[in-house]
Amino acid sequence: MRRWLFWICLFLFVSALVAVPVQKCANTMLADGFDLPVGKPPGEGYYMARGFLSYHPGEDWNDVRGGNTDLGAPVYCIGNGVVTFARDARMGWGNVVIVRHAFLEGGKLQMVDSMYAHLNQIMVKNGQQVKRGQQVGTIGTNRGMYTAHLHYEVRKNLFIGINRSKFAKDLTNYHRPSQFIAQRRRLPGGGRVAAVPVGTYATDQPGYELPQSGLKSNKSDKPSPRTDRFRVNRFDDVGY
């Protein structure tokens, strides 16, 4: 009886170990500061067309010349990090890049995700190490759905990915992007490496399929004829 009890307990123990998900990690250089993702010098020639709102937990940046003048313009990574998402997310997002950053603040290791949406072109791949100021893509329109602009976010919550509708759009999950960057232009720890968790998005799980947007691809990528305002997004997980 004791022998059977031993084997039963051993089996339950091993089963419990197998059931615990293994956390994947990637090494990345600590961010030694953050910069705006458009313009050289950062922000030059651009303005914030839409800021952080209850339904819009990020910022939209446009060329000061207006319209689609920034279509194809460079989008830069705000800080050192590792790419955790780089693909066409469809829906209201279009081409999206997400980068995970680790940085030191108050002597403690902190982490955030920066997200760049509606890109015309993606210039990095998932798992790639990127540096502050490195080009990750170009400004787009999501196949003519919007006037050309960059939508970008800085997230505290590392599980959001492109499933933004599943999380509260407030300061529990997000930073105000420009405020976050302005307060962290220079940081300690440059040259050091830290391990960050990866594979935290729903899209990283086996069998996950991105929903179809129903949009027709604009192969010529012509600018949207409506250059005076943004279109209303028709999808649940809006990008803007």
C-alpha atoms as a PDB file:
ATOM      1  CA  MET A   1       0.000   0.000   0.000  1.00  0.00           C
ATOM      2  CA  ARG A   2       2.792   2.395   0.900  1.00  0.00           C
ATOM      3  CA  ARG A   3       4.565   1.564  -2.357  1.00  0.00           C
ATOM      4  CA  TRP A   4       1.468   2.435  -4.378  1.00  0.00           C
ATOM      5  CA  LEU A   5       0.984   5.627  -2.380  1.00  0.00           C
ATOM      6  CA  PHE A   6       4.591   6.630  -3.161  1.00  0.00           C
ATOM      7  CA  TRP A   7       4.139   6.144  -6.915  1.00  0.00           C
ATOM      8  CA  ILE A   8       0.796   7.954  -6.928  1.00  0.00           C
ATOM      9  CA  CYS A   9       2.338  10.947  -5.124  1.00  0.00           C
ATOM     10  CA  LEU A  10       5.326  10.920  -7.479  1.00  0.00           C
ATOM     11  CA  PHE A  11       3.021  10.866 -10.500  1.00  0.00           C
ATOM     12  CA  LEU A  12       0.966  13.805  -9.175  1.00  0.00           C
ATOM     13  CA  PHE A  13       4.147  15.775  -8.447  1.00  0.00           C
ATOM     14  CA  VAL A  14       5.574  15.256 -11.940  1.00  0.00           C
ATOM     15  CA  SER A  15       2.190  16.092 -13.522  1.00  0.00           C
ATOM     16  CA  ALA A  16       2.074  19.359 -11.609  1.00  0.00           C
ATOM     17  CA  LEU A  17       5.565  20.287 -12.809  1.00  0.00           C
ATOM     18  CA  VAL A  18       4.645  19.585 -16.415  1.00  0.00           C
ATOM     19  CA  ALA A  19       1.479  21.666 -16.116  1.00  0.00           C
ATOM     20  CA  VAL A  20       3.392  24.786 -14.986  1.00  0.00           C
ATOM     21  CA  PRO A  21       4.167  26.922 -18.068  1.00  0.00           C
ATOM     22  CA  VAL A  22       7.840  27.620 -18.656  1.00  0.00           C
ATOM     23  CA  GLN A  23       8.581  31.324 -18.814  1.00  0.00           C
ATOM     24  CA  LYS A  24      10.589  32.232 -21.890  1.00  0.00           C
ATOM     25  CA  CYS A  25      13.152  34.993 -21.578  1.00  0.00           C
ATOM     26  CA  ALA A  26      15.409  36.983 -23.863  1.00  0.00           C
ATOM     27  CA  ASN A  27      18.467  39.035 -23.033  1.00  0.00           C
ATOM     28  CA  THR A  28      18.476  42.674 -24.082  1.00  0.00           C
ATOM     29  CA  MET A  29      20.564  45.773 -23.475  1.00  0.00           C
ATOM     30  CA  LEU A  30      19.212  48.110 -20.831  1.00  0.00           C
ATOM     31  CA  ALA A  31      17.723  51.303 -22.204  1.00  0.00           C
ATOM     32  CA  ASP A  32      20.049  54.206 -21.411  1.00  0.00           C
ATOM     33  CA  GLY A  33      17.262  56.681 -22.185  1.00  0.00           C
ATOM     34  CA  PHE A  34      14.276  57.222 -24.453  1.00  0.00           C
ATOM     35  CA  ASP A  35      13.523  59.507 -27.423  1.00  0.00           C
ATOM     36  CA  LEU A  36      10.459  60.317 -29.503  1.00  0.00           C
ATOM     37  CA  PRO A  37       9.917  57.868 -32.392  1.00  0.00           C
ATOM     38  CA  VAL A  38       9.712  60.487 -35.189  1.00  0.00           C
ATOM     39  CA  GLY A  39      11.986  63.224 -36.465  1.00  0.00           C
ATOM     40  CA  LYS A  40      15.723  63.808 -36.417  1.00  0.00           C
ATOM     41  CA  PRO A  41      16.492  65.333 -33.930  1.00  0.00           C
ATOM     42  CA  PRO A  42      13.636  63.552 -32.123  1.00  0.00           C
ATOM     43  CA  GLY A  43      10.316  65.297 -32.682  1.00  0.00           C
ATOM     44  CA  GLU A  44      11.615  67.856 -35.181  1.00  0.00           C
ATOM     45  CA  GLY A  45       9.099  68.540 -37.963  1.00  0.00           C
ATOM     46  CA  TYR A  46       6.267  66.667 -36.197  1.00  0.00           C
ATOM     47  CA  TYR A  47       3.393  67.495 -33.877  1.00  0.00           C
ATOM     48  CA  MET A  48       1.062  65.457 -31.680  1.00  0.00           C
ATOM     49  CA  ALA A  49      -2.250  65.321 -33.531  1.00  0.00           C
ATOM     50  CA  ARG A  50      -4.015  63.308 -30.833  1.00  0.00           C
ATOM     51  CA  GLY A  51      -2.897  62.615 -27.298  1.00  0.00           C
ATOM     52  CA  PHE A  52      -3.700  60.150 -24.522  1.00  0.00           C
ATOM     53  CA  LEU A  53      -7.463  59.801 -24.028  1.00  0.00           C
ATOM     54  CA  SER A  54      -9.795  57.373 -22.273  1.00  0.00           C
ATOM     55  CA  TYR A  55     -10.423  55.544 -25.563  1.00  0.00           C
ATOM     56  CA  HIS A  56      -6.999  56.265 -27.080  1.00  0.00           C
ATOM     57  CA  PRO A  57      -4.182  55.206 -24.701  1.00  0.00           C
ATOM     58  CA  GLY A  58      -1.391  56.468 -26.925  1.00  0.00           C
ATOM     59  CA  GLU A  59      -0.398  59.330 -29.196  1.00  0.00           C
ATOM     60  CA  ASP A  60      -0.749  60.094 -32.917  1.00  0.00           C
ATOM     61  CA  TRP A  61       2.123  62.009 -34.536  1.00  0.00           C
ATOM     62  CA  ASN A  62       1.956  63.824 -37.874  1.00  0.00           C
ATOM     63  CA  ASP A  63       4.272  65.824 -40.076  1.00  0.00           C
ATOM     64  CA  VAL A  64       3.699  69.571 -39.543  1.00  0.00           C
ATOM     65  CA  ARG A  65       3.012  69.891 -43.292  1.00  0.00           C
ATOM     66  CA  GLY A  66      -0.201  67.900 -42.811  1.00  0.00           C
ATOM     67  CA  GLY A  67      -2.085  65.390 -44.923  1.00  0.00           C
ATOM     68  CA  ASN A  68      -0.083  62.397 -46.134  1.00  0.00           C
ATOM     69  CA  THR A  69       3.236  64.247 -46.325  1.00  0.00           C
ATOM     70  CA  ASP A  70       4.735  61.828 -43.798  1.00  0.00           C
ATOM     71  CA  LEU A  71       3.730  58.669 -45.694  1.00  0.00           C
ATOM     72  CA  GLY A  72       6.851  56.472 -45.802  1.00  0.00           C
ATOM     73  CA  ALA A  73       8.765  58.608 -43.293  1.00  0.00           C
ATOM     74  CA  PRO A  74      11.065  56.784 -40.814  1.00  0.00           C
ATOM     75  CA  VAL A  75       9.802  55.466 -37.470  1.00  0.00           C
ATOM     76  CA  TYR A  76      12.506  55.035 -34.838  1.00  0.00           C
ATOM     77  CA  CYS A  77      12.667  52.829 -31.754  1.00  0.00           C
ATOM     78  CA  ILE A  78      12.377  54.933 -28.604  1.00  0.00           C
ATOM     79  CA  GLY A  79      15.036  52.959 -26.710  1.00  0.00           C
ATOM     80  CA  ASN A  80      17.197  49.824 -26.554  1.00  0.00           C
ATOM     81  CA  GLY A  81      15.143  46.643 -26.436  1.00  0.00           C
ATOM     82  CA  VAL A  82      14.043  43.430 -28.102  1.00  0.00           C
ATOM     83  CA  VAL A  83      11.278  43.106 -30.715  1.00  0.00           C
ATOM     84  CA  THR A  84       8.373  41.022 -29.375  1.00  0.00           C
ATOM     85  CA  PHE A  85       5.925  41.521 -32.268  1.00  0.00           C
ATOM     86  CA  ALA A  86       6.498  42.474 -35.915  1.00  0.00           C
ATOM     87  CA  ARG A  87       3.747  41.591 -38.373  1.00  0.00           C
ATOM     88  CA  ASP A  88       0.506  42.669 -40.011  1.00  0.00           C
ATOM     89  CA  ALA A  89      -2.027  42.674 -37.174  1.00  0.00           C
ATOM     90  CA  ARG A  90      -4.939  43.444 -39.549  1.00  0.00           C
ATOM     91  CA  MET A  91      -8.089  44.934 -37.935  1.00  0.00           C
ATOM     92  CA  GLY A  92      -7.586  48.644 -37.294  1.00  0.00           C
ATOM     93  CA  TRP A  93      -3.884  48.165 -36.616  1.00  0.00           C
ATOM     94  CA  GLY A  94      -2.231  47.222 -39.893  1.00  0.00           C
ATOM     95  CA  ASN A  95       1.522  46.620 -39.664  1.00  0.00           C
ATOM     96  CA  VAL A  96       2.654  46.706 -36.043  1.00  0.00           C
ATOM     97  CA  VAL A  97       5.987  46.550 -34.230  1.00  0.00           C
ATOM     98  CA  ILE A  98       6.222  46.097 -30.456  1.00  0.00           C
ATOM     99  CA  VAL A  99       9.523  46.396 -28.577  1.00  0.00           C
ATOM    100  CA  ARG A 100      10.159  45.383 -24.964  1.00  0.00           C
ATOM    101  CA  HIS A 101      12.489  47.619 -22.963  1.00  0.00           C
ATOM    102  CA  ALA A 102      14.245  47.076 -19.635  1.00  0.00           C
ATOM    103  CA  PHE A 103      15.652  50.031 -17.717  1.00  0.00           C
ATOM    104  CA  LEU A 104      16.866  51.028 -14.267  1.00  0.00           C
ATOM    105  CA  GLU A 105      14.872  53.518 -12.236  1.00  0.00           C
ATOM    106  CA  GLY A 106      15.316  54.145  -8.547  1.00  0.00           C
ATOM    107  CA  GLY A 107      17.772  51.258  -8.445  1.00  0.00           C
ATOM    108  CA  LYS A 108      15.095  48.826  -9.626  1.00  0.00           C
ATOM    109  CA  LEU A 109      14.685  47.046 -12.960  1.00  0.00           C
ATOM    110  CA  GLN A 110      11.579  48.232 -14.805  1.00  0.00           C
ATOM    111  CA  MET A 111      10.049  47.046 -18.086  1.00  0.00           C
ATOM    112  CA  VAL A 112       7.726  48.566 -20.669  1.00  0.00           C
ATOM    113  CA  ASP A 113       6.525  47.820 -24.196  1.00  0.00           C
ATOM    114  CA  SER A 114       6.577  50.450 -26.928  1.00  0.00           C
ATOM    115  CA  MET A 115       4.168  49.902 -29.811  1.00  0.00           C
ATOM    116  CA  TYR A 116       4.265  51.417 -33.312  1.00  0.00           C
ATOM    117  CA  ALA A 117       1.137  50.970 -35.461  1.00  0.00           C
ATOM    118  CA  HIS A 118      -0.263  51.583 -38.974  1.00  0.00           C
ATOM    119  CA  LEU A 119       3.218  51.174 -40.453  1.00  0.00           C
ATOM    120  CA  ASN A 120       3.667  51.209 -44.206  1.00  0.00           C
ATOM    121  CA  GLN A 121       6.736  48.986 -43.897  1.00  0.00           C
ATOM    122  CA  ILE A 122       8.186  46.827 -41.100  1.00  0.00           C
ATOM    123  CA  MET A 123      11.985  46.854 -40.989  1.00  0.00           C
ATOM    124  CA  VAL A 124      12.678  44.526 -38.030  1.00  0.00           C
ATOM    125  CA  LYS A 125      11.723  40.976 -37.099  1.00  0.00           C
ATOM    126  CA  ASN A 126      10.492  39.234 -33.982  1.00  0.00           C
ATOM    127  CA  GLY A 127      13.310  38.517 -31.517  1.00  0.00           C
ATOM    128  CA  GLN A 128      15.652  41.122 -33.009  1.00  0.00           C
ATOM    129  CA  GLN A 129      17.725  43.347 -30.730  1.00  0.00           C
ATOM    130  CA  VAL A 130      17.216  47.048 -31.483  1.00  0.00           C
ATOM    131  CA  LYS A 131      18.819  50.248 -30.241  1.00  0.00           C
ATOM    132  CA  ARG A 132      17.485  53.696 -29.444  1.00  0.00           C
ATOM    133  CA  GLY A 133      17.052  55.644 -32.664  1.00  0.00           C
ATOM    134  CA  GLN A 134      17.177  52.556 -34.899  1.00  0.00           C
ATOM    135  CA  GLN A 135      14.582  52.577 -37.674  1.00  0.00           C
ATOM    136  CA  VAL A 136      11.896  49.940 -37.145  1.00  0.00           C
ATOM    137  CA  GLY A 137       9.537  50.907 -39.949  1.00  0.00           C
ATOM    138  CA  THR A 138       7.891  53.703 -41.925  1.00  0.00           C
ATOM    139  CA  ILE A 139       4.726  55.728 -41.362  1.00  0.00           C
ATOM    140  CA  GLY A 140       1.667  54.342 -43.125  1.00  0.00           C
ATOM    141  CA  THR A 141      -2.112  54.559 -43.518  1.00  0.00           C
ATOM    142  CA  ASN A 142      -3.191  50.957 -42.816  1.00  0.00           C
ATOM    143  CA  ARG A 143      -4.027  50.443 -46.495  1.00  0.00           C
ATOM    144  CA  GLY A 144      -5.696  53.836 -46.800  1.00  0.00           C
ATOM    145  CA  MET A 145      -7.890  53.444 -43.709  1.00  0.00           C
ATOM    146  CA  TYR A 146      -6.394  56.579 -42.124  1.00  0.00           C
ATOM    147  CA  THR A 147      -4.528  59.700 -43.097  1.00  0.00           C
ATOM    148  CA  ALA A 148      -0.830  58.831 -42.734  1.00  0.00           C
ATOM    149  CA  HIS A 149       0.338  59.084 -39.130  1.00  0.00           C
ATOM    150  CA  LEU A 150       2.193  57.141 -36.463  1.00  0.00           C
ATOM    151  CA  HIS A 151       0.188  55.775 -33.574  1.00  0.00           C
ATOM    152  CA  TYR A 152       2.438  54.727 -30.720  1.00  0.00           C
ATOM    153  CA  GLU A 153       1.973  53.628 -27.135  1.00  0.00           C
ATOM    154  CA  VAL A 154       4.092  52.917 -24.046  1.00  0.00           C
ATOM    155  CA  ARG A 155       2.640  50.082 -21.970  1.00  0.00           C
ATOM    156  CA  LYS A 156       3.223  49.086 -18.355  1.00  0.00           C
ATOM    157  CA  ASN A 157       1.296  45.848 -18.908  1.00  0.00           C
ATOM    158  CA  LEU A 158       3.439  43.349 -20.829  1.00  0.00           C
ATOM    159  CA  PHE A 159       0.466  41.131 -21.785  1.00  0.00           C
ATOM    160  CA  ILE A 160      -1.491  43.519 -24.005  1.00  0.00           C
ATOM    161  CA  GLY A 161       0.065  42.893 -27.420  1.00  0.00           C
ATOM    162  CA  ILE A 162      -2.604  43.737 -30.016  1.00  0.00           C
ATOM    163  CA  ASN A 163      -5.541  42.617 -27.829  1.00  0.00           C
ATOM    164  CA  ARG A 164      -6.058  46.065 -26.361  1.00  0.00           C
ATOM    165  CA  SER A 165      -9.824  45.638 -25.887  1.00  0.00           C
ATOM    166  CA  LYS A 166      -9.128  43.072 -23.135  1.00  0.00           C
ATOM    167  CA  PHE A 167      -7.446  45.632 -20.868  1.00  0.00           C
ATOM    168  CA  ALA A 168      -8.497  48.897 -19.241  1.00  0.00           C
ATOM    169  CA  LYS A 169      -7.283  51.867 -21.297  1.00  0.00           C
ATOM    170  CA  ASP A 170      -5.980  53.818 -18.338  1.00  0.00           C
ATOM    171  CA  LEU A 171      -2.800  54.551 -16.398  1.00  0.00           C
ATOM    172  CA  THR A 172      -2.885  51.169 -14.660  1.00  0.00           C
ATOM    173  CA  ASN A 173      -1.813  49.621 -17.967  1.00  0.00           C
ATOM    174  CA  TYR A 174      -0.261  52.510 -19.914  1.00  0.00           C
ATOM    175  CA  HIS A 175       2.095  55.449 -19.613  1.00  0.00           C
ATOM    176  CA  ARG A 176       1.428  58.806 -21.236  1.00  0.00           C
ATOM    177  CA  PRO A 177       4.061  58.370 -23.985  1.00  0.00           C
ATOM    178  CA  SER A 178       5.504  61.895 -24.228  1.00  0.00           C
ATOM    179  CA  GLN A 179       5.531  62.293 -20.457  1.00  0.00           C
ATOM    180  CA  PHE A 180       7.247  58.930 -20.031  1.00  0.00           C
ATOM    181  CA  ILE A 181       9.952  59.886 -22.534  1.00  0.00           C
ATOM    182  CA  ALA A 182      10.455  63.434 -21.233  1.00  0.00           C
ATOM    183  CA  GLN A 183      11.087  62.089 -17.731  1.00  0.00           C
ATOM    184  CA  ARG A 184      13.564  59.443 -18.946  1.00  0.00           C
ATOM    185  CA  ARG A 185      15.711  60.999 -21.656  1.00  0.00           C
ATOM    186  CA  ARG A 186      18.864  59.748 -19.914  1.00  0.00           C
ATOM    187  CA  LEU A 187      19.078  56.686 -17.688  1.00  0.00           C
ATOM    188  CA  PRO A 188      21.842  54.735 -15.909  1.00  0.00           C
ATOM    189  CA  GLY A 189      22.922  51.213 -16.776  1.00  0.00           C
ATOM    190  CA  GLY A 190      23.994  51.740 -20.393  1.00  0.00           C
ATOM    191  CA  GLY A 191      25.884  48.722 -21.736  1.00  0.00           C
ATOM    192  CA  ARG A 192      24.403  46.301 -19.211  1.00  0.00           C
ATOM    193  CA  VAL A 193      22.179  43.377 -20.199  1.00  0.00           C
ATOM    194  CA  ALA A 194      18.972  42.151 -18.574  1.00  0.00           C
ATOM    195  CA  ALA A 195      16.660  39.179 -19.110  1.00  0.00           C
ATOM    196  CA  VAL A 196      13.081  40.082 -20.045  1.00  0.00           C
ATOM    197  CA  PRO A 197      10.072  37.762 -20.380  1.00  0.00           C
ATOM    198  CA  VAL A 198       8.852  37.094 -23.924  1.00  0.00           C
ATOM    199  CA  GLY A 199       5.913  35.141 -25.328  1.00  0.00           C
ATOM    200  CA  THR A 200       3.469  37.027 -23.092  1.00  0.00           C
ATOM    201  CA  TYR A 201       0.868  37.972 -25.743  1.00  0.00           C
ATOM    202  CA  ALA A 202      -2.208  35.974 -26.715  1.00  0.00           C
ATOM    203  CA  THR A 203      -0.809  35.916 -30.257  1.00  0.00           C
ATOM    204  CA  ASP A 204       2.195  33.951 -28.946  1.00  0.00           C
ATOM    205  CA  GLN A 205       0.036  31.045 -27.852  1.00  0.00           C
ATOM    206  CA  PRO A 206      -0.176  27.916 -30.067  1.00  0.00           C
ATOM    207  CA  GLY A 207      -3.116  27.910 -32.440  1.00  0.00           C
ATOM    208  CA  TYR A 208      -3.883  31.626 -32.172  1.00  0.00           C
ATOM    209  CA  GLU A 209      -5.101  33.139 -35.442  1.00  0.00           C
ATOM    210  CA  LEU A 210      -5.423  36.844 -36.148  1.00  0.00           C
ATOM    211  CA  PRO A 211      -8.987  37.876 -37.049  1.00  0.00           C
ATOM    212  CA  GLN A 212      -9.620  39.018 -40.592  1.00  0.00           C
ATOM    213  CA  SER A 213     -10.256  42.735 -41.000  1.00  0.00           C
ATOM    214  CA  GLY A 214     -12.353  42.580 -44.146  1.00  0.00           C
ATOM    215  CA  LEU A 215     -10.274  45.380 -45.650  1.00  0.00           C
ATOM    216  CA  LYS A 216      -9.240  45.146 -49.272  1.00  0.00           C
ATOM    217  CA  SER A 217      -5.516  45.563 -49.789  1.00  0.00           C
ATOM    218  CA  ASN A 218      -4.564  48.794 -51.525  1.00  0.00           C
ATOM    219  CA  LYS A 219      -1.697  47.485 -53.624  1.00  0.00           C
ATOM    220  CA  SER A 220      -0.696  50.918 -54.883  1.00  0.00           C
ATOM    221  CA  ASP A 221      -0.783  52.257 -51.299  1.00  0.00           C
ATOM    222  CA  LYS A 222      -2.236  55.532 -52.529  1.00  0.00           C
ATOM    223  CA  PRO A 223      -2.838  58.165 -49.834  1.00  0.00           C
ATOM    224  CA  SER A 224      -6.324  58.309 -48.385  1.00  0.00           C
ATOM    225  CA  PRO A 225      -8.456  60.897 -50.185  1.00  0.00           C
ATOM    226  CA  ARG A 226      -9.637  62.191 -46.810  1.00  0.00           C
ATOM    227  CA  THR A 227      -6.645  64.120 -45.577  1.00  0.00           C
ATOM    228  CA  ASP A 228      -8.410  66.478 -43.182  1.00  0.00           C
ATOM    229  CA  ARG A 229      -9.465  64.011 -40.467  1.00  0.00           C
ATOM    230  CA  PHE A 230      -9.218  60.414 -39.321  1.00  0.00           C
ATOM    231  CA  ARG A 231     -11.782  57.857 -40.330  1.00  0.00           C
ATOM    232  CA  VAL A 232     -13.959  56.188 -37.732  1.00  0.00           C
ATOM    233  CA  ASN A 233     -12.614  52.725 -36.975  1.00  0.00           C
ATOM    234  CA  ARG A 234     -15.211  49.988 -37.520  1.00  0.00           C
ATOM    235  CA  PHE A 235     -13.552  47.284 -35.431  1.00  0.00           C
ATOM    236  CA  ASP A 236     -13.671  46.337 -31.781  1.00  0.00           C
ATOM    237  CA  ASP A 237      -9.923  46.459 -31.167  1.00  0.00           C
ATOM    238  CA  VAL A 238      -9.307  49.906 -32.550  1.00  0.00           C
ATOM    239  CA  GLY A 239      -5.896  51.261 -33.445  1.00  0.00           C
ATOM    240  CA  TYR A 240      -6.322  54.879 -34.577  1.00  0.00           C
END
